[in-house]
Amino acid sequence: DVTIANNLFSTINATATSSAIQLQTARSASIADNVFTNVNYAGILLDGIDTAFVRRNSITGTGFQGIQLAGVMGNATVADNAIHNANMASGNADRGAIRLYGTNFTGTVRVNNNAITGGYTGIAVRNGEAIAGKDIKVLDNSITGLLGGKLLFHGGTGTLDAESNWLGTSSGSTIAANVQGNIDYTPGRTDGTDTSANIGFQPTGTPSG
């Protein structure tokens, strides 16, 4: 069991692929209330964790993905994080602030109430992943102010359930132009008001867009 909490990870740049946290094959992992700034590769990489919680972390400035779930993941929650300017070096659509694999996921995976701003691509499913029949939901997140890429990206097969997110506008045509892949993103939220000063995104009302 691994718990990483209340730390500052700053200027992680020893090599081009230096990440702040990389965990593989553990019974459980809780990564909460940390601050990450200026990371060459990724903020948090988790691979093959039976039970994972990634909560209330602030991540600013990564070269590639901010948070990634990969391998044989069991139950995992990625919630109430604030991610700014992720994927700045790569810019690839299948990376982004939060990146999911999915083919080998075995449990319930929830990505919710995260605030994503700037950078390239908001939430992505990696190219080639097969998520049909997987219990993956992306909901109640705010994705705004991207510099490029896609708000939501799915490069594999199966449908990604991504309803109830605020995507920076209530314009259906604008959103459609910035979503790629087999993604169910409606109804979405038409109001991006955050009802709390706490980290992450706490929306008001119910989705209607």
Protein backbone atom coordinates (compact mmCIF):
# COMPACT_ATOMS: atom_id res chain seq x y z
CA ASP A 1 0.00 0.00 0.00
CA VAL A 2 1.33 3.41 -0.99
CA THR A 3 0.27 6.84 0.26
CA ILE A 4 1.82 10.03 -1.13
CA ALA A 5 0.35 13.22 0.31
CA ASN A 6 1.13 16.86 0.97
CA ASN A 7 4.32 17.10 -1.03
CA LEU A 8 5.79 19.63 -3.46
CA PHE A 9 7.32 18.23 -6.68
CA SER A 10 9.04 21.04 -8.54
CA THR A 11 11.32 21.21 -11.60
CA ILE A 12 11.51 17.47 -12.31
CA ASN A 13 13.88 17.65 -15.27
CA ALA A 14 16.82 15.25 -14.83
CA THR A 15 15.98 13.57 -18.16
CA ALA A 16 13.50 14.09 -20.97
CA THR A 17 11.31 11.34 -19.51
CA SER A 18 11.50 12.36 -15.85
CA SER A 19 8.13 12.08 -14.09
CA ALA A 20 7.24 13.18 -10.58
CA ILE A 21 5.47 9.95 -9.51
CA GLN A 22 5.52 6.58 -11.26
CA LEU A 23 3.98 3.56 -9.50
CA GLN A 24 3.56 0.09 -10.94
CA THR A 25 1.92 -3.06 -9.57
CA ALA A 26 0.65 -2.20 -6.10
CA ARG A 27 -2.30 -3.29 -4.01
CA SER A 28 -3.40 0.27 -3.36
CA ALA A 29 -2.24 3.83 -3.97
CA SER A 30 -3.51 7.11 -2.59
CA ILE A 31 -2.01 10.27 -4.09
CA ALA A 32 -3.58 13.36 -2.61
CA ASP A 33 -3.03 17.04 -1.85
CA ASN A 34 0.30 17.31 -3.66
CA VAL A 35 1.59 20.18 -5.80
CA PHE A 36 3.47 19.53 -9.05
CA THR A 37 5.18 22.21 -11.13
CA ASN A 38 7.44 22.09 -14.17
CA VAL A 39 7.73 18.35 -14.88
CA ASN A 40 9.49 17.20 -18.03
CA TYR A 41 7.29 14.17 -18.68
CA ALA A 42 4.27 13.35 -16.49
CA GLY A 43 2.98 14.34 -13.10
CA ILE A 44 1.46 11.01 -11.99
CA LEU A 45 1.79 7.66 -13.78
CA LEU A 46 -0.07 4.65 -12.33
CA ASP A 47 0.14 1.18 -13.87
CA GLY A 48 -1.43 -1.99 -12.53
CA ILE A 49 -2.85 -0.71 -9.23
CA ASP A 50 -5.65 -2.71 -7.60
CA THR A 51 -7.25 0.33 -5.92
CA ALA A 52 -6.17 3.89 -6.71
CA PHE A 53 -7.25 7.33 -5.49
CA VAL A 54 -5.81 10.47 -7.10
CA ARG A 55 -7.40 13.47 -5.43
CA ARG A 56 -6.96 17.19 -4.84
CA ASN A 57 -3.59 17.48 -6.57
CA SER A 58 -2.46 20.66 -8.31
CA ILE A 59 -0.42 20.04 -11.48
CA THR A 60 1.04 22.92 -13.48
CA GLY A 61 3.30 22.50 -16.49
CA THR A 62 4.01 18.97 -17.78
CA GLY A 63 5.66 18.02 -21.04
CA PHE A 64 3.32 15.10 -21.56
CA GLN A 65 0.26 13.84 -19.66
CA GLY A 66 -0.63 15.23 -16.24
CA ILE A 67 -2.18 12.04 -14.83
CA GLN A 68 -2.20 8.59 -16.46
CA LEU A 69 -3.89 5.28 -15.63
CA ALA A 70 -2.48 2.27 -17.49
CA GLY A 71 -2.17 -1.50 -17.38
CA VAL A 72 -4.38 -3.74 -15.27
CA MET A 73 -6.10 -1.08 -13.19
CA GLY A 74 -8.75 -2.15 -10.70
CA ASN A 75 -11.00 0.43 -9.05
CA ALA A 76 -9.65 3.93 -9.62
CA THR A 77 -10.85 7.44 -8.86
CA VAL A 78 -9.26 10.58 -10.33
CA ALA A 79 -11.16 13.45 -8.75
CA ASP A 80 -10.95 17.08 -7.62
CA ASN A 81 -7.59 17.77 -9.25
CA ALA A 82 -6.54 21.03 -10.91
CA ILE A 83 -4.37 20.59 -14.01
CA HIS A 84 -2.95 23.54 -15.94
CA ASN A 85 -0.78 23.49 -19.07
CA ALA A 86 -0.31 19.74 -19.42
CA ASN A 87 1.10 18.04 -22.52
CA MET A 88 3.04 21.14 -23.51
CA ALA A 89 5.99 19.36 -25.14
CA SER A 90 4.09 16.56 -26.86
CA GLY A 91 0.86 18.21 -27.95
CA ASN A 92 -0.39 14.79 -29.07
CA ALA A 93 -4.17 14.44 -28.92
CA ASP A 94 -4.02 11.03 -27.22
CA ARG A 95 -2.13 12.35 -24.21
CA GLY A 96 -3.47 15.46 -22.48
CA ALA A 97 -4.16 16.48 -18.90
CA ILE A 98 -5.64 13.07 -18.02
CA ARG A 99 -4.82 10.00 -20.11
CA LEU A 100 -6.45 6.59 -19.84
CA TYR A 101 -5.40 3.30 -21.36
CA GLY A 102 -8.36 0.96 -20.75
CA THR A 103 -7.99 -2.34 -22.59
CA ASN A 104 -6.83 -4.11 -19.42
CA PHE A 105 -8.91 -2.21 -16.87
CA THR A 106 -10.82 -4.60 -14.61
CA GLY A 107 -12.66 -2.36 -12.15
CA THR A 108 -14.69 0.81 -11.85
CA VAL A 109 -12.84 3.88 -13.12
CA ARG A 110 -14.18 7.36 -12.43
CA VAL A 111 -12.69 10.63 -13.64
CA ASN A 112 -14.75 13.40 -12.07
CA ASN A 113 -14.76 16.96 -10.78
CA ASN A 114 -11.38 17.88 -12.21
CA ALA A 115 -10.57 21.40 -13.45
CA ILE A 116 -8.42 21.37 -16.61
CA THR A 117 -7.13 24.57 -18.17
CA GLY A 118 -4.58 25.38 -20.86
CA GLY A 119 -2.27 22.84 -22.44
CA TYR A 120 -3.06 20.41 -25.23
CA THR A 121 -6.06 18.03 -24.95
CA GLY A 122 -8.20 17.66 -21.87
CA ILE A 123 -9.06 13.98 -21.27
CA ALA A 124 -7.86 11.28 -23.64
CA VAL A 125 -8.13 7.55 -24.22
CA ARG A 126 -4.89 6.31 -25.75
CA ASN A 127 -4.77 5.29 -29.39
CA GLY A 128 -5.57 1.63 -29.92
CA GLU A 129 -7.27 0.96 -26.58
CA ALA A 130 -10.39 -1.25 -26.50
CA ILE A 131 -12.84 -0.06 -23.82
CA ALA A 132 -16.10 -1.75 -24.85
CA GLY A 133 -17.69 -3.23 -21.74
CA LYS A 134 -15.37 -1.35 -19.38
CA ASP A 135 -16.82 0.59 -16.45
CA ILE A 136 -15.24 3.95 -17.23
CA LYS A 137 -17.05 7.25 -16.69
CA VAL A 138 -15.76 10.78 -17.22
CA LEU A 139 -18.18 13.23 -15.63
CA ASP A 140 -18.57 16.63 -13.98
CA ASN A 141 -15.19 17.89 -15.15
CA SER A 142 -14.40 21.38 -16.45
CA ILE A 143 -12.15 21.61 -19.52
CA THR A 144 -11.50 25.16 -20.72
CA GLY A 145 -8.93 27.39 -22.36
CA LEU A 146 -6.95 24.71 -24.16
CA LEU A 147 -4.12 25.88 -26.39
CA GLY A 148 -4.80 23.07 -28.86
CA GLY A 149 -5.69 19.41 -29.21
CA LYS A 150 -9.16 18.18 -28.27
CA LEU A 151 -11.42 18.70 -25.30
CA LEU A 152 -12.11 14.96 -25.27
CA PHE A 153 -10.25 12.38 -27.35
CA HIS A 154 -10.79 8.64 -27.82
CA GLY A 155 -8.37 6.91 -30.14
CA GLY A 156 -9.57 3.36 -29.57
CA THR A 157 -12.72 1.27 -29.83
CA GLY A 158 -15.84 1.12 -27.69
CA THR A 159 -17.75 4.14 -26.42
CA LEU A 160 -16.36 6.51 -23.80
CA ASP A 161 -19.08 7.69 -21.38
CA ALA A 162 -18.30 11.38 -20.92
CA GLU A 163 -21.62 13.07 -20.18
CA SER A 164 -22.17 15.95 -17.76
CA ASN A 165 -18.92 17.86 -18.37
CA TRP A 166 -18.45 21.60 -18.83
CA LEU A 167 -16.49 22.07 -22.05
CA GLY A 168 -16.16 25.83 -22.04
CA THR A 169 -19.22 26.67 -24.14
CA SER A 170 -22.86 25.81 -24.64
CA SER A 171 -22.44 25.80 -28.43
CA GLY A 172 -23.05 22.29 -29.68
CA SER A 173 -21.20 22.86 -32.95
CA THR A 174 -18.13 24.26 -31.21
CA ILE A 175 -18.00 21.33 -28.84
CA ALA A 176 -18.47 18.80 -31.64
CA ALA A 177 -15.54 20.27 -33.54
CA ASN A 178 -13.32 19.75 -30.51
CA VAL A 179 -14.30 16.19 -29.57
CA GLN A 180 -12.77 13.26 -31.44
CA GLY A 181 -13.61 9.58 -31.37
CA ASN A 182 -16.51 7.44 -30.18
CA ILE A 183 -17.54 9.56 -27.19
CA ASP A 184 -20.98 10.04 -25.63
CA TYR A 185 -20.65 13.60 -24.35
CA THR A 186 -24.29 14.69 -24.26
CA PRO A 187 -26.03 15.89 -22.25
CA GLY A 188 -23.27 18.20 -21.18
CA ARG A 189 -23.23 21.14 -18.83
CA THR A 190 -24.23 24.57 -20.09
CA ASP A 191 -23.01 26.45 -17.01
CA GLY A 192 -19.38 26.43 -15.92
CA THR A 193 -19.93 28.04 -12.54
CA ASP A 194 -17.82 26.45 -9.82
CA THR A 195 -19.79 26.46 -6.58
CA SER A 196 -16.79 26.02 -4.28
CA ALA A 197 -13.37 27.54 -3.74
CA ASN A 198 -11.98 24.08 -3.13
CA ILE A 199 -9.61 22.54 -5.66
CA GLY A 200 -11.20 20.89 -8.67
CA PHE A 201 -14.61 21.65 -10.17
CA GLN A 202 -17.91 21.59 -8.27
CA PRO A 203 -20.69 22.38 -10.78
CA THR A 204 -24.17 23.67 -10.18
CA GLY A 205 -27.43 22.16 -11.35
CA THR A 206 -27.87 19.27 -13.75
CA PRO A 207 -26.55 18.87 -17.30
CA SER A 208 -28.92 19.99 -20.03
CA GLY A 209 -26.88 20.62 -23.17
